[in-house]
Amino acid sequence: MSGRKSNLKQYQLVKNGDMSQASITSPVTNIANLDNIGIQLNFTGSPTGTFQIQISADYNQDYQGNVENPGNWVPMVFSTPPVASGSAGSVYLDIAELSAPWIRVVYVRASGSGSLQAWITGKMI
């Protein structure tokens, strides 16, 4: 007997995000039924700021993408917080066994400017 595994084919959450703005918030992604999530953040220029991976259990949308409940968003805590520190760079976050069904990426600017590209992927163990 074989089982079927769920996966989230990689796709771009943020394209050419303007890091000179106060913040950038990605669209919400449903990650229910996925065990492992990967998020890649690529940025150019000289941005300084912090990235948050926010999760929600009470956000909800219908099958057409209409928001039914905006929910409450909680930032995940990482031992080494993901940051942009004044120069171009990349950050990859490998998140295992996440129980939340919804996720999004938020960048909060401190100074500088640049362009953000954010990607997400996921799979079931």
PDB file of N, CA and C in Angstrom:
ATOM      1  N   MET A   1       0.849  -1.169   0.000  1.00  0.00           N
ATOM      2  CA  MET A   1       0.000   0.000   0.000  1.00  0.00           C
ATOM      3  C   MET A   1       0.899   1.237   0.000  1.00  0.00           C
ATOM      4  N   SER A   2       0.586   2.179  -0.833  1.00  0.00           N
ATOM      5  CA  SER A   2       1.377   3.404  -0.868  1.00  0.00           C
ATOM      6  C   SER A   2       0.531   4.582  -0.415  1.00  0.00           C
ATOM      7  N   GLY A   3       1.189   5.541   0.192  1.00  0.00           N
ATOM      8  CA  GLY A   3       0.492   6.732   0.654  1.00  0.00           C
ATOM      9  C   GLY A   3       0.807   7.910  -0.250  1.00  0.00           C
ATOM     10  N   ARG A   4      -0.085   8.831  -0.294  1.00  0.00           N
ATOM     11  CA  ARG A   4       0.117  10.037  -1.083  1.00  0.00           C
ATOM     12  C   ARG A   4       0.637  11.128  -0.173  1.00  0.00           C
ATOM     13  N   LYS A   5       1.679  11.814  -0.616  1.00  0.00           N
ATOM     14  CA  LYS A   5       2.261  12.898   0.165  1.00  0.00           C
ATOM     15  C   LYS A   5       1.842  14.234  -0.417  1.00  0.00           C
ATOM     16  N   SER A   6       1.585  15.186   0.485  1.00  0.00           N
ATOM     17  CA  SER A   6       1.272  16.548   0.062  1.00  0.00           C
ATOM     18  C   SER A   6       2.564  17.325  -0.083  1.00  0.00           C
ATOM     19  N   ASN A   7       2.574  18.256  -1.030  1.00  0.00           N
ATOM     20  CA  ASN A   7       3.703  19.168  -1.130  1.00  0.00           C
ATOM     21  C   ASN A   7       3.201  20.516  -1.628  1.00  0.00           C
ATOM     22  N   LEU A   8       4.014  21.510  -1.398  1.00  0.00           N
ATOM     23  CA  LEU A   8       3.737  22.873  -1.855  1.00  0.00           C
ATOM     24  C   LEU A   8       4.864  23.215  -2.815  1.00  0.00           C
ATOM     25  N   LYS A   9       4.556  23.174  -4.109  1.00  0.00           N
ATOM     26  CA  LYS A   9       5.568  23.516  -5.108  1.00  0.00           C
ATOM     27  C   LYS A   9       6.025  24.942  -4.857  1.00  0.00           C
ATOM     28  N   GLN A  10       7.329  25.166  -4.950  1.00  0.00           N
ATOM     29  CA  GLN A  10       7.864  26.493  -4.650  1.00  0.00           C
ATOM     30  C   GLN A  10       7.176  27.555  -5.511  1.00  0.00           C
ATOM     31  N   TYR A  11       6.885  28.666  -4.858  1.00  0.00           N
ATOM     32  CA  TYR A  11       6.356  29.809  -5.593  1.00  0.00           C
ATOM     33  C   TYR A  11       6.777  31.097  -4.901  1.00  0.00           C
ATOM     34  N   GLN A  12       6.699  32.176  -5.656  1.00  0.00           N
ATOM     35  CA  GLN A  12       7.193  33.453  -5.171  1.00  0.00           C
ATOM     36  C   GLN A  12       6.108  34.191  -4.399  1.00  0.00           C
ATOM     37  N   LEU A  13       6.388  34.455  -3.121  1.00  0.00           N
ATOM     38  CA  LEU A  13       5.478  35.197  -2.240  1.00  0.00           C
ATOM     39  C   LEU A  13       5.575  36.702  -2.465  1.00  0.00           C
ATOM     40  N   VAL A  14       6.804  37.201  -2.587  1.00  0.00           N
ATOM     41  CA  VAL A  14       7.041  38.632  -2.773  1.00  0.00           C
ATOM     42  C   VAL A  14       7.945  38.797  -3.984  1.00  0.00           C
ATOM     43  N   LYS A  15       7.541  39.656  -4.904  1.00  0.00           N
ATOM     44  CA  LYS A  15       8.339  39.930  -6.096  1.00  0.00           C
ATOM     45  C   LYS A  15       8.671  41.417  -6.123  1.00  0.00           C
ATOM     46  N   ASN A  16       9.954  41.723  -6.121  1.00  0.00           N
ATOM     47  CA  ASN A  16      10.440  43.111  -6.169  1.00  0.00           C
ATOM     48  C   ASN A  16       9.836  43.966  -5.055  1.00  0.00           C
ATOM     49  N   GLY A  17       9.793  43.432  -3.840  1.00  0.00           N
ATOM     50  CA  GLY A  17       9.287  44.183  -2.690  1.00  0.00           C
ATOM     51  C   GLY A  17      10.179  45.377  -2.392  1.00  0.00           C
ATOM     52  N   ASP A  18       9.588  46.541  -2.226  1.00  0.00           N
ATOM     53  CA  ASP A  18      10.323  47.787  -1.989  1.00  0.00           C
ATOM     54  C   ASP A  18      10.698  47.889  -0.514  1.00  0.00           C
ATOM     55  N   MET A  19      11.972  47.632  -0.207  1.00  0.00           N
ATOM     56  CA  MET A  19      12.435  47.601   1.167  1.00  0.00           C
ATOM     57  C   MET A  19      12.698  48.986   1.745  1.00  0.00           C
ATOM     58  N   SER A  20      12.377  50.050   0.988  1.00  0.00           N
ATOM     59  CA  SER A  20      12.459  51.407   1.538  1.00  0.00           C
ATOM     60  C   SER A  20      11.144  51.785   2.219  1.00  0.00           C
ATOM     61  N   GLN A  21      10.119  50.943   2.067  1.00  0.00           N
ATOM     62  CA  GLN A  21       8.834  51.160   2.731  1.00  0.00           C
ATOM     63  C   GLN A  21       8.933  50.725   4.198  1.00  0.00           C
ATOM     64  N   ALA A  22       8.003  51.182   5.026  1.00  0.00           N
ATOM     65  CA  ALA A  22       8.018  50.846   6.457  1.00  0.00           C
ATOM     66  C   ALA A  22       7.955  49.334   6.686  1.00  0.00           C
ATOM     67  N   SER A  23       7.175  48.635   5.853  1.00  0.00           N
ATOM     68  CA  SER A  23       7.075  47.184   5.987  1.00  0.00           C
ATOM     69  C   SER A  23       6.570  46.564   4.693  1.00  0.00           C
ATOM     70  N   ILE A  24       6.791  45.273   4.569  1.00  0.00           N
ATOM     71  CA  ILE A  24       6.277  44.474   3.454  1.00  0.00           C
ATOM     72  C   ILE A  24       5.618  43.258   4.085  1.00  0.00           C
ATOM     73  N   THR A  25       4.391  42.962   3.681  1.00  0.00           N
ATOM     74  CA  THR A  25       3.693  41.772   4.167  1.00  0.00           C
ATOM     75  C   THR A  25       3.314  40.916   2.970  1.00  0.00           C
ATOM     76  N   SER A  26       3.736  39.664   2.984  1.00  0.00           N
ATOM     77  CA  SER A  26       3.435  38.753   1.881  1.00  0.00           C
ATOM     78  C   SER A  26       1.976  38.322   1.929  1.00  0.00           C
ATOM     79  N   PRO A  27       1.492  37.761   0.836  1.00  0.00           N
ATOM     80  CA  PRO A  27       0.186  37.102   0.888  1.00  0.00           C
ATOM     81  C   PRO A  27       0.248  35.912   1.860  1.00  0.00           C
ATOM     82  N   VAL A  28      -0.899  35.488   2.308  1.00  0.00           N
ATOM     83  CA  VAL A  28      -1.026  34.361   3.235  1.00  0.00           C
ATOM     84  C   VAL A  28      -0.958  33.051   2.445  1.00  0.00           C
ATOM     85  N   THR A  29      -0.297  32.042   3.038  1.00  0.00           N
ATOM     86  CA  THR A  29      -0.208  30.724   2.417  1.00  0.00           C
ATOM     87  C   THR A  29      -0.792  29.684   3.366  1.00  0.00           C
ATOM     88  N   ASN A  30      -1.631  28.809   2.822  1.00  0.00           N
ATOM     89  CA  ASN A  30      -2.179  27.697   3.590  1.00  0.00           C
ATOM     90  C   ASN A  30      -1.145  26.579   3.611  1.00  0.00           C
ATOM     91  N   ILE A  31      -0.713  26.203   4.800  1.00  0.00           N
ATOM     92  CA  ILE A  31       0.283  25.137   4.936  1.00  0.00           C
ATOM     93  C   ILE A  31      -0.267  23.937   5.707  1.00  0.00           C
ATOM     94  N   ALA A  32      -1.593  23.860   5.816  1.00  0.00           N
ATOM     95  CA  ALA A  32      -2.198  22.706   6.486  1.00  0.00           C
ATOM     96  C   ALA A  32      -1.763  21.428   5.768  1.00  0.00           C
ATOM     97  N   ASN A  33      -1.538  20.378   6.501  1.00  0.00           N
ATOM     98  CA  ASN A  33      -1.138  19.070   5.987  1.00  0.00           C
ATOM     99  C   ASN A  33       0.299  19.023   5.490  1.00  0.00           C
ATOM    100  N   LEU A  34       1.100  20.043   5.798  1.00  0.00           N
ATOM    101  CA  LEU A  34       2.508  20.036   5.436  1.00  0.00           C
ATOM    102  C   LEU A  34       3.342  20.013   6.717  1.00  0.00           C
ATOM    103  N   ASP A  35       4.404  19.228   6.722  1.00  0.00           N
ATOM    104  CA  ASP A  35       5.242  19.097   7.915  1.00  0.00           C
ATOM    105  C   ASP A  35       6.440  20.040   7.897  1.00  0.00           C
ATOM    106  N   ASN A  36       6.998  20.254   6.734  1.00  0.00           N
ATOM    107  CA  ASN A  36       8.209  21.063   6.607  1.00  0.00           C
ATOM    108  C   ASN A  36       7.983  22.207   5.631  1.00  0.00           C
ATOM    109  N   ILE A  37       8.390  23.402   6.041  1.00  0.00           N
ATOM    110  CA  ILE A  37       8.241  24.602   5.224  1.00  0.00           C
ATOM    111  C   ILE A  37       9.618  25.223   5.030  1.00  0.00           C
ATOM    112  N   GLY A  38       9.902  25.643   3.815  1.00  0.00           N
ATOM    113  CA  GLY A  38      11.132  26.364   3.513  1.00  0.00           C
ATOM    114  C   GLY A  38      10.786  27.741   2.984  1.00  0.00           C
ATOM    115  N   ILE A  39      11.465  28.753   3.504  1.00  0.00           N
ATOM    116  CA  ILE A  39      11.253  30.127   3.046  1.00  0.00           C
ATOM    117  C   ILE A  39      12.618  30.710   2.707  1.00  0.00           C
ATOM    118  N   GLN A  40      12.747  31.215   1.483  1.00  0.00           N
ATOM    119  CA  GLN A  40      13.991  31.843   1.051  1.00  0.00           C
ATOM    120  C   GLN A  40      13.735  33.324   0.814  1.00  0.00           C
ATOM    121  N   LEU A  41      14.588  34.157   1.400  1.00  0.00           N
ATOM    122  CA  LEU A  41      14.495  35.611   1.292  1.00  0.00           C
ATOM    123  C   LEU A  41      15.764  36.112   0.617  1.00  0.00           C
ATOM    124  N   ASN A  42      15.646  36.698  -0.561  1.00  0.00           N
ATOM    125  CA  ASN A  42      16.781  37.252  -1.293  1.00  0.00           C
ATOM    126  C   ASN A  42      16.582  38.761  -1.365  1.00  0.00           C
ATOM    127  N   PHE A  43      17.619  39.527  -1.041  1.00  0.00           N
ATOM    128  CA  PHE A  43      17.462  40.977  -1.060  1.00  0.00           C
ATOM    129  C   PHE A  43      18.714  41.649  -1.599  1.00  0.00           C
ATOM    130  N   THR A  44      18.477  42.759  -2.288  1.00  0.00           N
ATOM    131  CA  THR A  44      19.552  43.548  -2.887  1.00  0.00           C
ATOM    132  C   THR A  44      19.604  44.904  -2.199  1.00  0.00           C
ATOM    133  N   GLY A  45      20.611  45.702  -2.536  1.00  0.00           N
ATOM    134  CA  GLY A  45      20.706  47.051  -1.997  1.00  0.00           C
ATOM    135  C   GLY A  45      21.370  47.066  -0.635  1.00  0.00           C
ATOM    136  N   SER A  46      20.920  48.023   0.192  1.00  0.00           N
ATOM    137  CA  SER A  46      21.510  48.190   1.529  1.00  0.00           C
ATOM    138  C   SER A  46      20.434  48.264   2.610  1.00  0.00           C
ATOM    139  N   PRO A  47      19.502  47.286   2.638  1.00  0.00           N
ATOM    140  CA  PRO A  47      18.442  47.334   3.636  1.00  0.00           C
ATOM    141  C   PRO A  47      18.915  46.909   5.020  1.00  0.00           C
ATOM    142  N   THR A  48      18.344  47.534   6.030  1.00  0.00           N
ATOM    143  CA  THR A  48      18.537  47.112   7.410  1.00  0.00           C
ATOM    144  C   THR A  48      17.152  46.960   8.015  1.00  0.00           C
ATOM    145  N   GLY A  49      16.861  45.779   8.522  1.00  0.00           N
ATOM    146  CA  GLY A  49      15.557  45.528   9.113  1.00  0.00           C
ATOM    147  C   GLY A  49      15.435  44.080   9.544  1.00  0.00           C
ATOM    148  N   THR A  50      14.265  43.720  10.018  1.00  0.00           N
ATOM    149  CA  THR A  50      14.024  42.367  10.509  1.00  0.00           C
ATOM    150  C   THR A  50      12.939  41.683   9.696  1.00  0.00           C
ATOM    151  N   PHE A  51      13.072  40.383   9.586  1.00  0.00           N
ATOM    152  CA  PHE A  51      12.051  39.554   8.945  1.00  0.00           C
ATOM    153  C   PHE A  51      11.295  38.816  10.038  1.00  0.00           C
ATOM    154  N   GLN A  52       9.999  38.701   9.868  1.00  0.00           N
ATOM    155  CA  GLN A  52       9.182  37.892  10.763  1.00  0.00           C
ATOM    156  C   GLN A  52       8.474  36.831   9.934  1.00  0.00           C
ATOM    157  N   ILE A  53       8.423  35.644  10.469  1.00  0.00           N
ATOM    158  CA  ILE A  53       7.555  34.612   9.932  1.00  0.00           C
ATOM    159  C   ILE A  53       6.379  34.577  10.895  1.00  0.00           C
ATOM    160  N   GLN A  54       5.206  34.938  10.402  1.00  0.00           N
ATOM    161  CA  GLN A  54       4.023  34.998  11.253  1.00  0.00           C
ATOM    162  C   GLN A  54       3.093  33.841  10.914  1.00  0.00           C
ATOM    163  N   ILE A  55       2.488  33.274  11.954  1.00  0.00           N
ATOM    164  CA  ILE A  55       1.579  32.145  11.787  1.00  0.00           C
ATOM    165  C   ILE A  55       0.241  32.461  12.455  1.00  0.00           C
ATOM    166  N   SER A  56      -0.793  31.768  11.988  1.00  0.00           N
ATOM    167  CA  SER A  56      -2.128  31.978  12.552  1.00  0.00           C
ATOM    168  C   SER A  56      -2.923  30.684  12.517  1.00  0.00           C
ATOM    169  N   ALA A  57      -3.681  30.466  13.588  1.00  0.00           N
ATOM    170  CA  ALA A  57      -4.616  29.344  13.642  1.00  0.00           C
ATOM    171  C   ALA A  57      -6.041  29.810  13.375  1.00  0.00           C
ATOM    172  N   ASP A  58      -6.322  31.121  13.583  1.00  0.00           N
ATOM    173  CA  ASP A  58      -7.706  31.582  13.448  1.00  0.00           C
ATOM    174  C   ASP A  58      -7.991  32.372  12.174  1.00  0.00           C
ATOM    175  N   TYR A  59      -6.963  32.624  11.359  1.00  0.00           N
ATOM    176  CA  TYR A  59      -7.203  33.219  10.042  1.00  0.00           C
ATOM    177  C   TYR A  59      -7.995  32.214   9.219  1.00  0.00           C
ATOM    178  N   ASN A  60      -8.851  32.686   8.327  1.00  0.00           N
ATOM    179  CA  ASN A  60      -9.564  31.769   7.443  1.00  0.00           C
ATOM    180  C   ASN A  60      -9.981  32.480   6.171  1.00  0.00           C
ATOM    181  N   GLN A  61      -9.953  31.730   5.080  1.00  0.00           N
ATOM    182  CA  GLN A  61     -10.453  32.225   3.802  1.00  0.00           C
ATOM    183  C   GLN A  61     -11.227  31.116   3.114  1.00  0.00           C
ATOM    184  N   ASP A  62     -12.139  31.503   2.225  1.00  0.00           N
ATOM    185  CA  ASP A  62     -12.914  30.499   1.506  1.00  0.00           C
ATOM    186  C   ASP A  62     -12.101  29.952   0.328  1.00  0.00           C
ATOM    187  N   TYR A  63     -12.677  29.015  -0.399  1.00  0.00           N
ATOM    188  CA  TYR A  63     -11.959  28.360  -1.485  1.00  0.00           C
ATOM    189  C   TYR A  63     -11.626  29.295  -2.646  1.00  0.00           C
ATOM    190  N   GLN A  64     -12.246  30.478  -2.692  1.00  0.00           N
ATOM    191  CA  GLN A  64     -11.944  31.462  -3.737  1.00  0.00           C
ATOM    192  C   GLN A  64     -10.924  32.508  -3.267  1.00  0.00           C
ATOM    193  N   GLY A  65     -10.447  32.370  -2.036  1.00  0.00           N
ATOM    194  CA  GLY A  65      -9.440  33.289  -1.520  1.00  0.00           C
ATOM    195  C   GLY A  65     -10.003  34.506  -0.813  1.00  0.00           C
ATOM    196  N   ASN A  66     -11.306  34.564  -0.629  1.00  0.00           N
ATOM    197  CA  ASN A  66     -11.912  35.680   0.097  1.00  0.00           C
ATOM    198  C   ASN A  66     -11.706  35.483   1.601  1.00  0.00           C
ATOM    199  N   VAL A  67     -11.193  36.503   2.269  1.00  0.00           N
ATOM    200  CA  VAL A  67     -10.920  36.408   3.701  1.00  0.00           C
ATOM    201  C   VAL A  67     -12.235  36.371   4.472  1.00  0.00           C
ATOM    202  N   GLU A  68     -12.420  35.307   5.241  1.00  0.00           N
ATOM    203  CA  GLU A  68     -13.603  35.167   6.089  1.00  0.00           C
ATOM    204  C   GLU A  68     -13.317  35.640   7.511  1.00  0.00           C
ATOM    205  N   ASN A  69     -12.077  35.492   7.958  1.00  0.00           N
ATOM    206  CA  ASN A  69     -11.656  35.968   9.273  1.00  0.00           C
ATOM    207  C   ASN A  69     -10.197  36.397   9.162  1.00  0.00           C
ATOM    208  N   PRO A  70      -9.872  37.690   9.402  1.00  0.00           N
ATOM    209  CA  PRO A  70      -8.488  38.142   9.275  1.00  0.00           C
ATOM    210  C   PRO A  70      -7.554  37.542  10.323  1.00  0.00           C
ATOM    211  N   GLY A  71      -8.105  37.004  11.380  1.00  0.00           N
ATOM    212  CA  GLY A  71      -7.327  36.296  12.377  1.00  0.00           C
ATOM    213  C   GLY A  71      -6.336  37.148  13.139  1.00  0.00           C
ATOM    214  N   ASN A  72      -5.564  36.476  13.944  1.00  0.00           N
ATOM    215  CA  ASN A  72      -4.488  37.076  14.726  1.00  0.00           C
ATOM    216  C   ASN A  72      -3.189  36.433  14.269  1.00  0.00           C
ATOM    217  N   TRP A  73      -2.170  37.250  14.086  1.00  0.00           N
ATOM    218  CA  TRP A  73      -0.889  36.780  13.563  1.00  0.00           C
ATOM    219  C   TRP A  73       0.172  36.844  14.654  1.00  0.00           C
ATOM    220  N   VAL A  74       0.890  35.736  14.843  1.00  0.00           N
ATOM    221  CA  VAL A  74       1.880  35.602  15.897  1.00  0.00           C
ATOM    222  C   VAL A  74       3.249  35.374  15.249  1.00  0.00           C
ATOM    223  N   PRO A  75       4.249  36.226  15.584  1.00  0.00           N
ATOM    224  CA  PRO A  75       5.579  35.996  15.028  1.00  0.00           C
ATOM    225  C   PRO A  75       6.247  34.773  15.659  1.00  0.00           C
ATOM    226  N   MET A  76       6.870  33.952  14.821  1.00  0.00           N
ATOM    227  CA  MET A  76       7.648  32.822  15.322  1.00  0.00           C
ATOM    228  C   MET A  76       8.925  33.360  15.941  1.00  0.00           C
ATOM    229  N   VAL A  77       9.451  32.634  16.917  1.00  0.00           N
ATOM    230  CA  VAL A  77      10.688  33.023  17.578  1.00  0.00           C
ATOM    231  C   VAL A  77      11.800  32.093  17.091  1.00  0.00           C
ATOM    232  N   PHE A  78      12.879  32.687  16.607  1.00  0.00           N
ATOM    233  CA  PHE A  78      14.034  31.931  16.132  1.00  0.00           C
ATOM    234  C   PHE A  78      15.220  32.211  17.044  1.00  0.00           C
ATOM    235  N   SER A  79      16.087  31.215  17.246  1.00  0.00           N
ATOM    236  CA  SER A  79      17.266  31.429  18.086  1.00  0.00           C
ATOM    237  C   SER A  79      18.166  32.511  17.484  1.00  0.00           C
ATOM    238  N   THR A  80      18.237  32.572  16.174  1.00  0.00           N
ATOM    239  CA  THR A  80      18.935  33.649  15.474  1.00  0.00           C
ATOM    240  C   THR A  80      17.908  34.326  14.583  1.00  0.00           C
ATOM    241  N   PRO A  81      17.415  35.496  14.975  1.00  0.00           N
ATOM    242  CA  PRO A  81      16.374  36.166  14.180  1.00  0.00           C
ATOM    243  C   PRO A  81      16.873  36.504  12.772  1.00  0.00           C
ATOM    244  N   PRO A  82      16.043  36.292  11.756  1.00  0.00           N
ATOM    245  CA  PRO A  82      16.442  36.631  10.393  1.00  0.00           C
ATOM    246  C   PRO A  82      16.435  38.149  10.187  1.00  0.00           C
ATOM    247  N   VAL A  83      17.547  38.684   9.681  1.00  0.00           N
ATOM    248  CA  VAL A  83      17.692  40.123   9.505  1.00  0.00           C
ATOM    249  C   VAL A  83      18.345  40.448   8.167  1.00  0.00           C
ATOM    250  N   ALA A  84      18.143  41.682   7.739  1.00  0.00           N
ATOM    251  CA  ALA A  84      18.926  42.294   6.662  1.00  0.00           C
ATOM    252  C   ALA A  84      19.800  43.319   7.376  1.00  0.00           C
ATOM    253  N   SER A  85      21.116  43.246   7.156  1.00  0.00           N
ATOM    254  CA  SER A  85      22.010  44.073   7.964  1.00  0.00           C
ATOM    255  C   SER A  85      22.852  45.056   7.151  1.00  0.00           C
ATOM    256  N   GLY A  86      22.223  45.724   6.197  1.00  0.00           N
ATOM    257  CA  GLY A  86      22.897  46.808   5.498  1.00  0.00           C
ATOM    258  C   GLY A  86      23.550  46.458   4.182  1.00  0.00           C
ATOM    259  N   SER A  87      23.424  45.226   3.730  1.00  0.00           N
ATOM    260  CA  SER A  87      23.964  44.849   2.431  1.00  0.00           C
ATOM    261  C   SER A  87      23.113  43.738   1.828  1.00  0.00           C
ATOM    262  N   ALA A  88      23.325  43.481   0.549  1.00  0.00           N
ATOM    263  CA  ALA A  88      22.584  42.428  -0.140  1.00  0.00           C
ATOM    264  C   ALA A  88      22.861  41.085   0.522  1.00  0.00           C
ATOM    265  N   GLY A  89      21.896  40.184   0.442  1.00  0.00           N
ATOM    266  CA  GLY A  89      22.093  38.875   1.036  1.00  0.00           C
ATOM    267  C   GLY A  89      20.916  37.954   0.814  1.00  0.00           C
ATOM    268  N   SER A  90      21.002  36.788   1.421  1.00  0.00           N
ATOM    269  CA  SER A  90      19.936  35.785   1.355  1.00  0.00           C
ATOM    270  C   SER A  90      19.803  35.118   2.715  1.00  0.00           C
ATOM    271  N   VAL A  91      18.589  34.741   3.039  1.00  0.00           N
ATOM    272  CA  VAL A  91      18.294  34.003   4.261  1.00  0.00           C
ATOM    273  C   VAL A  91      17.413  32.826   3.863  1.00  0.00           C
ATOM    274  N   TYR A  92      17.710  31.639   4.391  1.00  0.00           N
ATOM    275  CA  TYR A  92      16.840  30.484   4.176  1.00  0.00           C
ATOM    276  C   TYR A  92      16.395  29.974   5.531  1.00  0.00           C
ATOM    277  N   LEU A  93      15.093  29.842   5.694  1.00  0.00           N
ATOM    278  CA  LEU A  93      14.518  29.343   6.936  1.00  0.00           C
ATOM    279  C   LEU A  93      13.898  27.981   6.667  1.00  0.00           C
ATOM    280  N   ASP A  94      14.362  26.970   7.375  1.00  0.00           N
ATOM    281  CA  ASP A  94      13.858  25.610   7.250  1.00  0.00           C
ATOM    282  C   ASP A  94      13.058  25.321   8.508  1.00  0.00           C
ATOM    283  N   ILE A  95      11.751  25.268   8.379  1.00  0.00           N
ATOM    284  CA  ILE A  95      10.860  25.175   9.538  1.00  0.00           C
ATOM    285  C   ILE A  95      10.224  23.784   9.556  1.00  0.00           C
ATOM    286  N   ALA A  96      10.516  23.013  10.596  1.00  0.00           N
ATOM    287  CA  ALA A  96      10.034  21.633  10.684  1.00  0.00           C
ATOM    288  C   ALA A  96       8.869  21.505  11.657  1.00  0.00           C
ATOM    289  N   GLU A  97       7.940  20.636  11.316  1.00  0.00           N
ATOM    290  CA  GLU A  97       6.819  20.244  12.157  1.00  0.00           C
ATOM    291  C   GLU A  97       6.038  21.429  12.707  1.00  0.00           C
ATOM    292  N   LEU A  98       5.648  22.298  11.830  1.00  0.00           N
ATOM    293  CA  LEU A  98       4.873  23.475  12.195  1.00  0.00           C
ATOM    294  C   LEU A  98       3.386  23.100  12.227  1.00  0.00           C
ATOM    295  N   SER A  99       2.709  23.398  13.322  1.00  0.00           N
ATOM    296  CA  SER A  99       1.309  22.992  13.460  1.00  0.00           C
ATOM    297  C   SER A  99       0.313  24.012  12.904  1.00  0.00           C
ATOM    298  N   ALA A 100       0.718  25.252  12.727  1.00  0.00           N
ATOM    299  CA  ALA A 100      -0.196  26.304  12.261  1.00  0.00           C
ATOM    300  C   ALA A 100      -0.621  26.046  10.814  1.00  0.00           C
ATOM    301  N   PRO A 101      -1.886  26.347  10.479  1.00  0.00           N
ATOM    302  CA  PRO A 101      -2.354  26.127   9.110  1.00  0.00           C
ATOM    303  C   PRO A 101      -2.094  27.298   8.155  1.00  0.00           C
ATOM    304  N   TRP A 102      -1.703  28.473   8.681  1.00  0.00           N
ATOM    305  CA  TRP A 102      -1.511  29.659   7.843  1.00  0.00           C
ATOM    306  C   TRP A 102      -0.189  30.321   8.170  1.00  0.00           C
ATOM    307  N   ILE A 103       0.471  30.878   7.149  1.00  0.00           N
ATOM    308  CA  ILE A 103       1.776  31.501   7.333  1.00  0.00           C
ATOM    309  C   ILE A 103       1.924  32.696   6.394  1.00  0.00           C
ATOM    310  N   ARG A 104       2.734  33.669   6.814  1.00  0.00           N
ATOM    311  CA  ARG A 104       3.079  34.801   5.956  1.00  0.00           C
ATOM    312  C   ARG A 104       4.435  35.354   6.397  1.00  0.00           C
ATOM    313  N   VAL A 105       5.050  36.143   5.523  1.00  0.00           N
ATOM    314  CA  VAL A 105       6.344  36.764   5.785  1.00  0.00           C
ATOM    315  C   VAL A 105       6.135  38.267   5.921  1.00  0.00           C
ATOM    316  N   VAL A 106       6.795  38.876   6.910  1.00  0.00           N
ATOM    317  CA  VAL A 106       6.734  40.331   7.106  1.00  0.00           C
ATOM    318  C   VAL A 106       8.161  40.850   7.232  1.00  0.00           C
ATOM    319  N   TYR A 107       8.461  41.928   6.502  1.00  0.00           N
ATOM    320  CA  TYR A 107       9.737  42.635   6.656  1.00  0.00           C
ATOM    321  C   TYR A 107       9.432  43.975   7.298  1.00  0.00           C
ATOM    322  N   VAL A 108      10.184  44.324   8.354  1.00  0.00           N
ATOM    323  CA  VAL A 108      10.028  45.608   9.040  1.00  0.00           C
ATOM    324  C   VAL A 108      11.331  46.382   8.873  1.00  0.00           C
ATOM    325  N   ARG A 109      11.241  47.528   8.206  1.00  0.00           N
ATOM    326  CA  ARG A 109      12.410  48.332   7.869  1.00  0.00           C
ATOM    327  C   ARG A 109      12.903  49.137   9.068  1.00  0.00           C
ATOM    328  N   ALA A 110      14.237  49.219   9.192  1.00  0.00           N
ATOM    329  CA  ALA A 110      14.874  50.131  10.143  1.00  0.00           C
ATOM    330  C   ALA A 110      15.512  51.287   9.375  1.00  0.00           C
ATOM    331  N   SER A 111      16.223  50.952   8.276  1.00  0.00           N
ATOM    332  CA  SER A 111      16.843  51.975   7.436  1.00  0.00           C
ATOM    333  C   SER A 111      17.251  51.345   6.105  1.00  0.00           C
ATOM    334  N   GLY A 112      17.771  52.168   5.203  1.00  0.00           N
ATOM    335  CA  GLY A 112      18.257  51.680   3.922  1.00  0.00           C
ATOM    336  C   GLY A 112      17.141  51.330   2.954  1.00  0.00           C
ATOM    337  N   SER A 113      17.548  50.755   1.838  1.00  0.00           N
ATOM    338  CA  SER A 113      16.580  50.379   0.810  1.00  0.00           C
ATOM    339  C   SER A 113      17.113  49.182   0.040  1.00  0.00           C
ATOM    340  N   GLY A 114      16.237  48.562  -0.704  1.00  0.00           N
ATOM    341  CA  GLY A 114      16.606  47.404  -1.506  1.00  0.00           C
ATOM    342  C   GLY A 114      15.366  46.782  -2.103  1.00  0.00           C
ATOM    343  N   SER A 115      15.553  45.616  -2.679  1.00  0.00           N
ATOM    344  CA  SER A 115      14.460  44.888  -3.315  1.00  0.00           C
ATOM    345  C   SER A 115      14.410  43.477  -2.731  1.00  0.00           C
ATOM    346  N   LEU A 116      13.217  43.035  -2.357  1.00  0.00           N
ATOM    347  CA  LEU A 116      13.027  41.729  -1.718  1.00  0.00           C
ATOM    348  C   LEU A 116      12.326  40.756  -2.651  1.00  0.00           C
ATOM    349  N   GLN A 117      12.865  39.555  -2.729  1.00  0.00           N
ATOM    350  CA  GLN A 117      12.227  38.426  -3.405  1.00  0.00           C
ATOM    351  C   GLN A 117      12.053  37.352  -2.331  1.00  0.00           C
ATOM    352  N   ALA A 118      10.835  36.872  -2.133  1.00  0.00           N
ATOM    353  CA  ALA A 118      10.588  35.832  -1.123  1.00  0.00           C
ATOM    354  C   ALA A 118       9.913  34.632  -1.779  1.00  0.00           C
ATOM    355  N   TRP A 119      10.404  33.453  -1.451  1.00  0.00           N
ATOM    356  CA  TRP A 119       9.899  32.198  -1.998  1.00  0.00           C
ATOM    357  C   TRP A 119       9.497  31.274  -0.856  1.00  0.00           C
ATOM    358  N   ILE A 120       8.506  30.399  -1.126  1.00  0.00           N
ATOM    359  CA  ILE A 120       8.078  29.408  -0.132  1.00  0.00           C
ATOM    360  C   ILE A 120       7.926  28.057  -0.811  1.00  0.00           C
ATOM    361  N   THR A 121       8.186  26.997  -0.061  1.00  0.00           N
ATOM    362  CA  THR A 121       7.977  25.644  -0.510  1.00  0.00           C
ATOM    363  C   THR A 121       7.649  24.799   0.713  1.00  0.00           C
ATOM    364  N   GLY A 122       7.126  23.604   0.522  1.00  0.00           N
ATOM    365  CA  GLY A 122       6.821  22.749   1.664  1.00  0.00           C
ATOM    366  C   GLY A 122       6.545  21.335   1.253  1.00  0.00           C
ATOM    367  N   LYS A 123       6.617  20.426   2.233  1.00  0.00           N
ATOM    368  CA  LYS A 123       6.318  19.038   1.952  1.00  0.00           C
ATOM    369  C   LYS A 123       5.902  18.291   3.215  1.00  0.00           C
ATOM    370  N   MET A 124       5.232  17.200   2.978  1.00  0.00           N
ATOM    371  CA  MET A 124       4.825  16.298   4.045  1.00  0.00           C
ATOM    372  C   MET A 124       5.928  15.260   4.220  1.00  0.00           C
ATOM    373  N   ILE A 125       6.172  14.858   5.456  1.00  0.00           N
ATOM    374  CA  ILE A 125       7.195  13.828   5.717  1.00  0.00           C
ATOM    375  C   ILE A 125       6.697  12.502   5.196  1.00  0.00           C
TER     376      ILE A 125
END
